[in-house]
Amino acid sequence: MATQLLTRVIDDGRNLDGLLGTRHGPPMMKTMSASDIALSKAIVTTALRNRGLIEAVFKKIMSRPPPKNARHLLHNLHVAAAQIMFMEVPDSAAVNLAVASLKNDTRSVRFASLANAVLRRLSREKEMLLESFTPEDIARLNMPTWLWKRTKKSFGAQKSSQIAAAHMLEPVIDVTVKSNPDAWAEKLGGIPIFGNSLRVTATGKVESWPGYDDGQWWVQDAAAHLPAHLMGDINGKRVADLCAAPGGKSAQLLNAGAIVTALDASGDRLTRLQQNLDRLKFNAELVESNLFDFTTDAPFDAILLDAPCSSTGTIRRHPDVQWSKTANDISELAQLQFDMILHAAKLLKPGGTLVFSNCSMDREEGEDVLARIISTDCGLEHKPIEATEVYGQSQFINGQGAVRTLPSHLPELGGLANHDKSAQFEGRMGGIDGFFAARFVRT
C-alpha cells in the first residue's frame, strides 16, 4: 500500500491526501482497517520527508544504482528505508515485507535478492550512515534541487537552510477557536499564539478533543488564520470567500459576523465545507462554480481570494508537495492567480476590500503577483498592511507592506508571561506555514 502511494506521488505527481480518499486511492484501501491506512500514510510521509537523505544513503551502500525504470523496486526500497531509519518498526519486519512485496511482483521478482542484501546492510549500518551527514546536510538533501534554487534566490542561503530544517519536523496541530483562546488553551493543552489561534499539544484523534463535537474550534494553521483578519470590521457585511473549501476561512468570516457566500468549483469539496460548517453551527450561502463563470448583480462589500497555488508553504505538513510540484507549475499558477484577482475585482463594490492570499512561499506566486497588480490599471489600489494588523508580528510584514510568513518563522507571543518563551517553540512546536497575503481596495 505504501509503495503504491509513493509511486503515485513521485511518478504521477498526485496529491497524497487526495489519494487517501477511497475514491482515488489504491483499490486495496477499501478493505484495509483505519489503523493500517494510517500506518501506510505515516510510512509514505516519512519516506517523503526524508527522501533526499534516503537517496544519499543508498548511493553510499549500493555499488551501482538500480535501473531507473525499475520503479517498483525504487519505491519499495524507499518505503523500507523509511521504516528502518526513522520509524519504530522492527528492521527485520521492514526487510522481510519489502522482499516479499518484490517477490509478489512479476516485474520485480528478479530484484528480491538485491533488495534483501541492501536493506540488511542498511539495518546494520544505519547509525553510522546517519552520523556521516551533518544536520545542515540532511536538511539540504531533503529539499529538491529545483525548490532549493528558488528558495535561495528569494530568501538567501541562510534563511533557506532554516526553512529546509523546518520542513524536517512534523508540526503539531494549530486550531482556531470561536472565542476565549486562553480558556481553550488550558482545555486542549495548548499555547495561544495570536488572535484566536492555538498551538495544541493534545494527543489522540482530533475528533476526540474537547469542544470538537460542540463546534467550538476548527483545525487551521496559525498563518492561515491571518488573511481573513486583514478585512477589519466585517460584521453585517456581505463577504465572498471565492475558493472556500474546506472552510476554515469561511468559518472565520462567519465568526466575525459576516454574511458569507462561499464559492468553490468542486461539489465534493463544497460537501465537505458544508459538513464543517454544520459542525461549527454556521450558515453560509454555498455556490458551486468556477470563479471565472461566477457573476453577481449585487457586488460584495469584501472578498477573500485564497487562490490555488503550489502549496510550497505547507511542506511541513504535506511533504509530498515538494516532490510532486515543479517550477513550471508555479509559473502557471502565478498567472492563474493574477487572472483570478482581475476577475474578483469585478465582483467588489467601490470602496470594498479584496484580500488575496495563498499558502506558497514562492515569490512568483506572492510578491511578483502583487507587483503586477500594482502596475496594472484594474481598479484596485494596494492598501499596505501594518504590523499592528497581524498582532504585532513585524517579521511577517515584507517590504511591500504585504504578509509573508515562512516555515522558519517563530511567532512572538507578546505578553504571555506564564510561558517559558525560550522553550515553547523548540522542535515540533516551532514554525508556521508559509503564507502570502496582500490587500486591495476597489477604486
Protein backbone atom coordinates (compact mmCIF):
# COMPACT_ATOMS: atom_id res chain seq x y z
CA MET A 1 0.00 0.00 0.00
CA ALA A 2 2.73 2.46 0.97
CA THR A 3 4.72 1.61 -2.16
CA GLN A 4 1.70 2.23 -4.37
CA LEU A 5 1.02 5.58 -2.72
CA LEU A 6 4.65 6.66 -3.03
CA THR A 7 4.64 5.63 -6.70
CA ARG A 8 1.61 7.78 -7.45
CA VAL A 9 3.06 10.82 -5.69
CA ILE A 10 6.54 10.63 -7.23
CA ASP A 11 5.80 9.25 -10.71
CA ASP A 12 2.33 10.69 -11.30
CA GLY A 13 2.52 13.95 -9.33
CA ARG A 14 -0.56 13.05 -7.30
CA ASN A 15 -1.58 14.63 -4.00
CA LEU A 16 -1.21 12.25 -1.04
CA ASP A 17 -4.29 13.42 0.84
CA GLY A 18 -6.33 13.10 -2.36
CA LEU A 19 -5.09 9.54 -2.83
CA LEU A 20 -6.16 8.63 0.69
CA GLY A 21 -9.77 9.19 -0.25
CA THR A 22 -11.25 5.78 -1.11
CA ARG A 23 -12.48 7.08 -4.48
CA HIS A 24 -9.00 7.94 -5.68
CA GLY A 25 -6.59 5.71 -3.76
CA PRO A 26 -5.37 2.15 -4.40
CA PRO A 27 -8.26 -0.37 -4.53
CA MET A 28 -6.84 -2.35 -1.61
CA MET A 29 -7.53 0.59 0.67
CA LYS A 30 -11.26 -0.19 0.60
CA THR A 31 -10.64 -3.38 2.59
CA MET A 32 -7.97 -2.05 4.94
CA SER A 33 -8.54 -1.08 8.55
CA ALA A 34 -8.28 2.55 9.58
CA SER A 35 -5.13 1.80 11.57
CA ASP A 36 -3.43 0.14 8.57
CA ILE A 37 -4.33 3.09 6.35
CA ALA A 38 -2.89 5.44 8.98
CA LEU A 39 0.30 3.38 9.15
CA SER A 40 0.61 3.40 5.36
CA LYS A 41 0.26 7.19 5.35
CA ALA A 42 2.84 7.53 8.13
CA ILE A 43 5.33 5.40 6.19
CA VAL A 44 4.85 7.38 2.98
CA THR A 45 5.02 10.73 4.77
CA THR A 46 8.25 9.67 6.48
CA ALA A 47 9.70 8.49 3.17
CA LEU A 48 8.81 11.80 1.51
CA ARG A 49 10.09 13.95 4.38
CA ASN A 50 13.46 12.15 4.22
CA ARG A 51 13.59 11.34 0.52
CA GLY A 52 16.82 13.16 -0.29
CA LEU A 53 18.68 11.64 2.63
CA ILE A 54 17.43 8.14 1.80
CA GLU A 55 18.70 8.55 -1.78
CA ALA A 56 22.10 9.73 -0.48
CA VAL A 57 22.35 6.74 1.85
CA PHE A 58 21.56 4.28 -0.95
CA LYS A 59 24.31 5.86 -3.05
CA LYS A 60 26.76 5.07 -0.25
CA ILE A 61 25.80 1.44 0.21
CA MET A 62 24.97 0.34 -3.34
CA SER A 63 27.84 -0.36 -5.73
CA ARG A 64 25.70 0.81 -8.64
CA PRO A 65 22.27 2.42 -8.84
CA PRO A 66 19.27 0.26 -9.70
CA PRO A 67 17.73 0.67 -13.16
CA LYS A 68 15.74 3.91 -13.42
CA ASN A 69 12.79 2.09 -14.95
CA ALA A 70 12.58 -0.33 -12.00
CA ARG A 71 10.09 1.94 -10.29
CA HIS A 72 8.52 -0.67 -8.01
CA LEU A 73 11.95 -1.62 -6.72
CA LEU A 74 12.99 2.00 -6.12
CA HIS A 75 9.83 2.96 -4.24
CA ASN A 76 9.85 -0.33 -2.34
CA LEU A 77 13.39 0.39 -1.13
CA HIS A 78 12.41 3.90 0.00
CA VAL A 79 9.41 2.56 1.91
CA ALA A 80 11.59 0.00 3.68
CA ALA A 81 14.35 2.52 4.39
CA ALA A 82 11.89 4.97 5.93
CA GLN A 83 10.85 2.29 8.42
CA ILE A 84 14.38 1.06 9.15
CA MET A 85 15.93 4.51 9.60
CA PHE A 86 13.16 6.63 11.12
CA MET A 87 10.25 4.56 12.46
CA GLU A 88 9.69 2.24 15.37
CA VAL A 89 9.19 -0.78 13.16
CA PRO A 90 11.37 -3.88 13.66
CA ASP A 91 14.07 -3.82 10.98
CA SER A 92 13.51 -7.49 10.21
CA ALA A 93 9.83 -6.89 9.52
CA ALA A 94 10.57 -3.97 7.19
CA VAL A 95 13.15 -6.04 5.28
CA ASN A 96 11.02 -9.18 5.04
CA LEU A 97 7.92 -7.32 3.87
CA ALA A 98 9.89 -5.41 1.25
CA VAL A 99 11.41 -8.61 -0.14
CA ALA A 100 8.05 -10.40 -0.09
CA SER A 101 6.45 -7.50 -1.96
CA LEU A 102 9.10 -7.71 -4.68
CA LYS A 103 8.68 -11.48 -4.98
CA ASN A 104 4.95 -10.98 -5.46
CA ASP A 105 5.51 -8.57 -8.37
CA THR A 106 6.41 -10.27 -11.66
CA ARG A 107 8.31 -7.19 -12.86
CA SER A 108 10.44 -7.01 -9.73
CA VAL A 109 10.97 -10.58 -8.54
CA ARG A 110 14.48 -10.60 -10.03
CA PHE A 111 15.44 -7.77 -7.63
CA ALA A 112 14.40 -9.55 -4.42
CA SER A 113 17.92 -10.77 -3.56
CA LEU A 114 19.41 -7.35 -4.26
CA ALA A 115 16.84 -5.65 -2.01
CA ASN A 116 17.43 -8.17 0.75
CA ALA A 117 21.20 -7.54 0.72
CA VAL A 118 20.92 -3.75 0.53
CA LEU A 119 18.30 -3.44 3.26
CA ARG A 120 20.11 -5.79 5.64
CA ARG A 121 23.26 -3.74 5.21
CA LEU A 122 21.23 -0.57 5.87
CA SER A 123 19.87 -2.15 9.05
CA ARG A 124 23.39 -2.97 10.28
CA GLU A 125 24.98 0.37 9.39
CA LYS A 126 22.15 2.91 9.77
CA GLU A 127 23.58 4.69 12.83
CA MET A 128 27.00 5.12 11.20
CA LEU A 129 25.41 6.24 7.94
CA LEU A 130 23.20 8.84 9.61
CA GLU A 131 26.16 10.18 11.59
CA SER A 132 28.09 10.73 8.36
CA PHE A 133 25.77 13.64 7.49
CA THR A 134 25.53 16.95 9.37
CA PRO A 135 22.06 18.31 10.26
CA GLU A 136 22.63 21.03 7.64
CA ASP A 137 23.49 18.38 5.02
CA ILE A 138 20.35 16.44 5.83
CA ALA A 139 18.05 19.46 5.61
CA ARG A 140 19.56 20.50 2.28
CA LEU A 141 19.36 16.96 0.85
CA ASN A 142 15.67 16.73 1.72
CA MET A 143 14.75 19.83 -0.27
CA PRO A 144 14.64 19.10 -4.03
CA THR A 145 17.18 21.00 -6.11
CA TRP A 146 14.56 22.97 -8.05
CA LEU A 147 12.96 24.20 -4.83
CA TRP A 148 16.30 24.92 -3.13
CA LYS A 149 17.40 27.14 -6.03
CA ARG A 150 14.16 29.13 -5.99
CA THR A 151 14.11 29.47 -2.22
CA LYS A 152 17.76 30.54 -2.10
CA LYS A 153 17.16 33.14 -4.82
CA SER A 154 14.20 34.56 -2.88
CA PHE A 155 15.48 34.45 0.70
CA GLY A 156 19.24 33.77 0.66
CA ALA A 157 21.22 30.69 1.69
CA GLN A 158 20.94 31.11 5.47
CA LYS A 159 17.18 31.56 5.56
CA SER A 160 16.72 28.78 3.00
CA SER A 161 18.67 26.42 5.28
CA GLN A 162 16.38 27.39 8.16
CA ILE A 163 13.32 26.73 6.01
CA ALA A 164 14.69 23.33 4.92
CA ALA A 165 15.34 22.43 8.56
CA ALA A 166 11.79 23.43 9.49
CA HIS A 167 10.46 21.06 6.82
CA MET A 168 12.17 18.17 8.59
CA LEU A 169 9.96 18.45 11.67
CA GLU A 170 6.37 17.25 11.59
CA PRO A 171 4.47 20.09 13.28
CA VAL A 172 1.85 19.85 15.98
CA ILE A 173 -1.68 20.97 15.19
CA ASP A 174 -2.93 24.56 15.29
CA VAL A 175 -6.61 25.32 15.82
CA THR A 176 -8.73 28.45 15.61
CA VAL A 177 -11.28 28.86 18.40
CA LYS A 178 -14.50 30.84 18.20
CA SER A 179 -13.70 32.74 21.40
CA ASN A 180 -11.84 32.64 24.71
CA PRO A 181 -8.48 31.30 23.45
CA ASP A 182 -6.88 31.29 26.91
CA ALA A 183 -9.59 29.00 28.30
CA TRP A 184 -9.40 26.66 25.32
CA ALA A 185 -5.62 26.57 25.53
CA GLU A 186 -5.98 25.16 29.03
CA LYS A 187 -8.59 22.59 27.96
CA LEU A 188 -6.60 21.41 24.94
CA GLY A 189 -3.14 21.61 26.46
CA GLY A 190 -2.15 24.32 24.01
CA ILE A 191 -0.41 27.67 23.79
CA PRO A 192 -2.17 30.80 22.50
CA ILE A 193 -0.22 32.11 19.50
CA PHE A 194 -2.10 35.21 18.38
CA GLY A 195 -5.72 36.15 17.82
CA ASN A 196 -7.89 33.07 18.23
CA SER A 197 -5.13 30.68 17.15
CA LEU A 198 -3.74 27.99 19.47
CA ARG A 199 -0.86 25.53 19.12
CA VAL A 200 -2.19 22.30 20.60
CA THR A 201 -0.29 19.50 22.31
CA ALA A 202 -3.29 17.21 22.88
CA THR A 203 -2.91 13.64 21.63
CA GLY A 204 -5.29 11.16 20.05
CA LYS A 205 -7.76 11.76 17.26
CA VAL A 206 -8.75 15.37 16.74
CA GLU A 207 -12.41 14.31 16.79
CA SER A 208 -11.98 13.18 20.40
CA TRP A 209 -10.66 16.50 21.69
CA PRO A 210 -12.84 18.68 23.96
CA GLY A 211 -15.03 21.08 22.02
CA TYR A 212 -14.88 19.27 18.69
CA ASP A 213 -18.42 17.89 18.75
CA ASP A 214 -19.69 21.20 20.10
CA GLY A 215 -18.17 23.08 17.17
CA GLN A 216 -16.04 25.36 19.32
CA TRP A 217 -12.95 25.31 17.07
CA TRP A 218 -11.52 24.07 13.79
CA VAL A 219 -8.07 22.93 12.62
CA GLN A 220 -6.21 25.78 10.90
CA ASP A 221 -2.53 26.68 10.80
CA ALA A 222 -1.77 29.97 12.53
CA ALA A 223 -0.58 31.52 9.25
CA ALA A 224 -3.86 30.64 7.54
CA HIS A 225 -5.58 32.50 10.38
CA LEU A 226 -4.18 35.84 9.16
CA PRO A 227 -5.82 36.65 5.75
CA ALA A 228 -9.42 36.80 6.98
CA HIS A 229 -8.30 39.00 9.87
CA LEU A 230 -6.98 41.62 7.41
CA MET A 231 -10.51 42.64 6.37
CA GLY A 232 -11.13 44.61 9.54
CA ASP A 233 -14.69 45.01 10.79
CA ILE A 234 -16.94 42.89 8.55
CA ASN A 235 -19.86 42.45 10.97
CA GLY A 236 -23.08 42.50 8.94
CA LYS A 237 -21.25 42.90 5.62
CA ARG A 238 -21.62 40.69 2.55
CA VAL A 239 -18.35 38.84 2.05
CA ALA A 240 -17.41 36.34 -0.64
CA ASP A 241 -14.91 33.55 0.03
CA LEU A 242 -14.04 32.69 -3.56
CA CYS A 243 -12.02 29.48 -3.11
CA ALA A 244 -13.71 28.45 0.08
CA ALA A 245 -13.24 24.72 0.73
CA PRO A 246 -12.52 23.21 3.20
CA GLY A 247 -13.95 26.22 5.03
CA GLY A 248 -11.56 27.43 7.71
CA LYS A 249 -11.52 30.98 6.42
CA SER A 250 -15.28 30.94 5.79
CA ALA A 251 -15.70 29.98 9.44
CA GLN A 252 -13.54 32.93 10.47
CA LEU A 253 -15.61 35.32 8.38
CA LEU A 254 -18.85 33.94 9.81
CA ASN A 255 -17.46 34.09 13.32
CA ALA A 256 -16.74 37.80 12.71
CA GLY A 257 -20.40 38.37 11.86
CA ALA A 258 -20.15 38.47 8.05
CA ILE A 259 -22.88 37.32 5.67
CA VAL A 260 -20.85 34.83 3.64
CA THR A 261 -21.10 33.46 0.12
CA ALA A 262 -18.72 30.51 -0.14
CA LEU A 263 -17.72 29.62 -3.69
CA ASP A 264 -15.85 26.53 -4.87
CA ALA A 265 -15.55 24.76 -8.21
CA SER A 266 -15.74 21.28 -6.65
CA GLY A 267 -19.04 19.84 -5.48
CA ASP A 268 -17.21 17.26 -3.36
CA ARG A 269 -15.21 19.99 -1.63
CA LEU A 270 -18.37 22.02 -1.03
CA THR A 271 -19.97 18.96 0.58
CA ARG A 272 -17.02 18.77 2.95
CA LEU A 273 -17.29 22.51 3.60
CA GLN A 274 -20.99 22.18 4.44
CA GLN A 275 -20.21 19.36 6.87
CA ASN A 276 -17.61 21.51 8.58
CA LEU A 277 -19.97 24.48 8.84
CA ASP A 278 -22.72 22.22 10.21
CA ARG A 279 -20.41 21.03 13.00
CA LEU A 280 -19.46 24.62 13.76
CA LYS A 281 -23.13 25.68 13.69
CA PHE A 282 -22.53 28.30 10.99
CA ASN A 283 -24.66 29.09 7.95
CA ALA A 284 -23.43 30.38 4.61
CA GLU A 285 -24.62 30.51 1.01
CA LEU A 286 -22.71 27.82 -0.87
CA VAL A 287 -22.16 28.18 -4.62
CA GLU A 288 -20.62 25.55 -6.88
CA SER A 289 -18.96 27.44 -9.71
CA ASN A 290 -15.69 28.16 -11.43
CA LEU A 291 -14.67 31.67 -10.39
CA PHE A 292 -14.44 32.89 -13.99
CA ASP A 293 -18.05 31.80 -14.60
CA PHE A 294 -19.34 33.48 -11.44
CA THR A 295 -21.09 36.84 -11.62
CA THR A 296 -23.33 38.77 -9.24
CA ASP A 297 -25.89 41.56 -9.54
CA ALA A 298 -25.09 42.69 -6.01
CA PRO A 299 -21.34 43.37 -5.62
CA PHE A 300 -19.77 42.32 -2.33
CA ASP A 301 -18.54 44.55 0.47
CA ALA A 302 -15.41 42.43 0.79
CA ILE A 303 -13.80 39.45 -0.91
CA LEU A 304 -11.32 36.85 0.28
CA LEU A 305 -9.45 35.15 -2.55
CA ASP A 306 -7.28 32.36 -1.13
CA ALA A 307 -6.16 31.29 -4.55
CA PRO A 308 -4.96 27.90 -5.85
CA CYS A 309 -1.18 27.68 -5.53
CA SER A 310 1.80 25.36 -5.37
CA SER A 311 1.25 24.90 -1.59
CA THR A 312 5.01 25.03 -1.02
CA GLY A 313 4.35 26.84 2.26
CA THR A 314 2.71 23.70 3.68
CA ILE A 315 5.59 21.24 3.15
CA ARG A 316 5.98 20.82 6.93
CA ARG A 317 2.55 19.18 6.95
CA HIS A 318 2.48 17.86 3.38
CA PRO A 319 5.98 16.75 2.31
CA ASP A 320 4.57 15.29 -0.92
CA VAL A 321 4.21 18.85 -2.27
CA GLN A 322 7.91 19.38 -2.93
CA TRP A 323 8.23 16.08 -4.79
CA SER A 324 5.03 16.35 -6.87
CA LYS A 325 5.32 20.01 -7.98
CA THR A 326 7.72 21.65 -10.47
CA ALA A 327 8.90 25.16 -11.30
CA ASN A 328 6.60 25.10 -14.35
CA ASP A 329 3.62 24.51 -12.07
CA ILE A 330 4.49 27.68 -10.16
CA SER A 331 4.61 29.88 -13.25
CA GLU A 332 1.24 28.59 -14.44
CA LEU A 333 -0.33 29.08 -11.03
CA ALA A 334 1.04 32.62 -10.71
CA GLN A 335 -0.65 33.56 -13.99
CA LEU A 336 -3.89 31.95 -12.81
CA GLN A 337 -3.74 33.94 -9.55
CA PHE A 338 -3.26 37.21 -11.44
CA ASP A 339 -6.26 36.45 -13.67
CA MET A 340 -8.39 35.49 -10.66
CA ILE A 341 -7.63 38.78 -8.91
CA LEU A 342 -8.69 40.73 -12.01
CA HIS A 343 -12.00 38.84 -12.14
CA ALA A 344 -12.59 39.11 -8.40
CA ALA A 345 -12.21 42.90 -8.64
CA LYS A 346 -15.32 42.99 -10.85
CA LEU A 347 -17.38 41.40 -8.05
CA LEU A 348 -16.46 44.06 -5.48
CA LYS A 349 -18.22 47.28 -4.51
CA PRO A 350 -16.32 50.57 -4.95
CA GLY A 351 -14.52 51.10 -1.67
CA GLY A 352 -14.70 47.38 -0.90
CA THR A 353 -11.76 45.33 0.32
CA LEU A 354 -10.13 42.42 -1.53
CA VAL A 355 -7.64 40.21 0.30
CA PHE A 356 -5.55 37.95 -1.93
CA SER A 357 -3.66 35.11 -0.25
CA ASN A 358 -2.12 31.71 -0.83
CA CYS A 359 -0.03 29.13 1.00
CA SER A 360 3.01 29.35 -1.27
CA MET A 361 6.41 30.55 -0.10
CA ASP A 362 7.48 31.31 -3.68
CA ARG A 363 7.88 34.98 -4.63
CA GLU A 364 6.48 34.38 -8.11
CA GLU A 365 3.13 33.47 -6.54
CA GLY A 366 3.22 36.28 -4.00
CA GLU A 367 5.42 39.36 -4.27
CA ASP A 368 5.57 39.18 -8.08
CA VAL A 369 1.79 38.87 -8.44
CA LEU A 370 1.32 41.88 -6.15
CA ALA A 371 3.81 43.91 -8.21
CA ARG A 372 1.90 43.05 -11.41
CA ILE A 373 -1.42 44.14 -9.92
CA ILE A 374 0.07 47.43 -8.68
CA SER A 375 1.35 48.19 -12.19
CA THR A 376 -1.94 47.20 -13.87
CA ASP A 377 -4.91 49.55 -14.33
CA CYS A 378 -7.53 47.17 -12.93
CA GLY A 379 -9.44 49.32 -10.45
CA LEU A 380 -7.58 48.02 -7.42
CA GLU A 381 -5.46 50.14 -5.11
CA HIS A 382 -2.90 48.38 -2.92
CA LYS A 383 -3.50 49.02 0.79
CA PRO A 384 -0.34 48.12 2.77
CA ILE A 385 -0.65 46.07 5.94
CA GLU A 386 0.79 47.26 9.23
CA ALA A 387 2.39 45.04 11.88
CA THR A 388 -0.38 46.03 14.31
CA GLU A 389 -2.86 44.30 11.98
CA VAL A 390 -1.05 40.98 12.35
CA TYR A 391 -0.91 41.04 16.14
CA GLY A 392 2.38 42.92 16.22
CA GLN A 393 4.25 40.20 14.29
CA SER A 394 6.56 42.62 12.49
CA GLN A 395 8.63 39.79 10.96
CA PHE A 396 5.53 38.83 8.96
CA ILE A 397 5.46 42.12 7.00
CA ASN A 398 7.65 42.37 3.91
CA GLY A 399 8.97 45.44 2.13
CA GLN A 400 5.82 45.73 0.03
CA GLY A 401 3.54 46.03 3.02
CA ALA A 402 2.22 42.50 2.45
CA VAL A 403 2.16 39.47 4.74
CA ARG A 404 4.96 36.96 4.14
CA THR A 405 5.28 34.12 6.64
CA LEU A 406 7.89 31.39 6.33
CA PRO A 407 8.16 27.89 7.86
CA SER A 408 11.21 29.06 9.80
CA HIS A 409 9.37 31.94 11.50
CA LEU A 410 8.76 31.65 15.24
CA PRO A 411 5.76 33.76 16.25
CA GLU A 412 6.38 36.27 19.01
CA LEU A 413 3.92 35.67 21.82
CA GLY A 414 3.79 39.11 23.31
CA GLY A 415 2.51 39.19 26.87
CA LEU A 416 2.26 35.51 27.72
CA ALA A 417 4.25 35.86 30.91
CA ASN A 418 3.22 32.43 32.21
CA HIS A 419 5.10 30.61 29.45
CA ASP A 420 8.80 29.96 29.04
CA LYS A 421 9.41 31.82 25.80
CA SER A 422 12.84 30.27 25.33
CA ALA A 423 11.46 26.74 25.12
CA GLN A 424 7.90 26.83 23.84
CA PHE A 425 8.69 26.82 20.13
CA GLU A 426 11.52 24.31 20.05
CA GLY A 427 11.30 21.25 17.81
CA ARG A 428 7.83 20.32 16.58
CA MET A 429 6.30 23.24 18.48
CA GLY A 430 8.12 25.68 16.19
CA GLY A 431 7.45 27.08 12.75
CA ILE A 432 4.43 28.30 10.86
CA ASP A 433 3.16 27.64 7.34
CA GLY A 434 4.49 29.76 4.51
CA PHE A 435 1.78 32.23 3.53
CA PHE A 436 1.40 35.37 1.43
CA ALA A 437 -1.39 37.94 1.72
CA ALA A 438 -1.95 41.34 0.15
CA ARG A 439 -4.88 43.75 0.48
CA PHE A 440 -6.54 45.97 -2.10
CA VAL A 441 -9.40 48.48 -2.19
CA ARG A 442 -11.69 48.86 -5.20
CA THR A 443 -11.44 52.38 -6.60
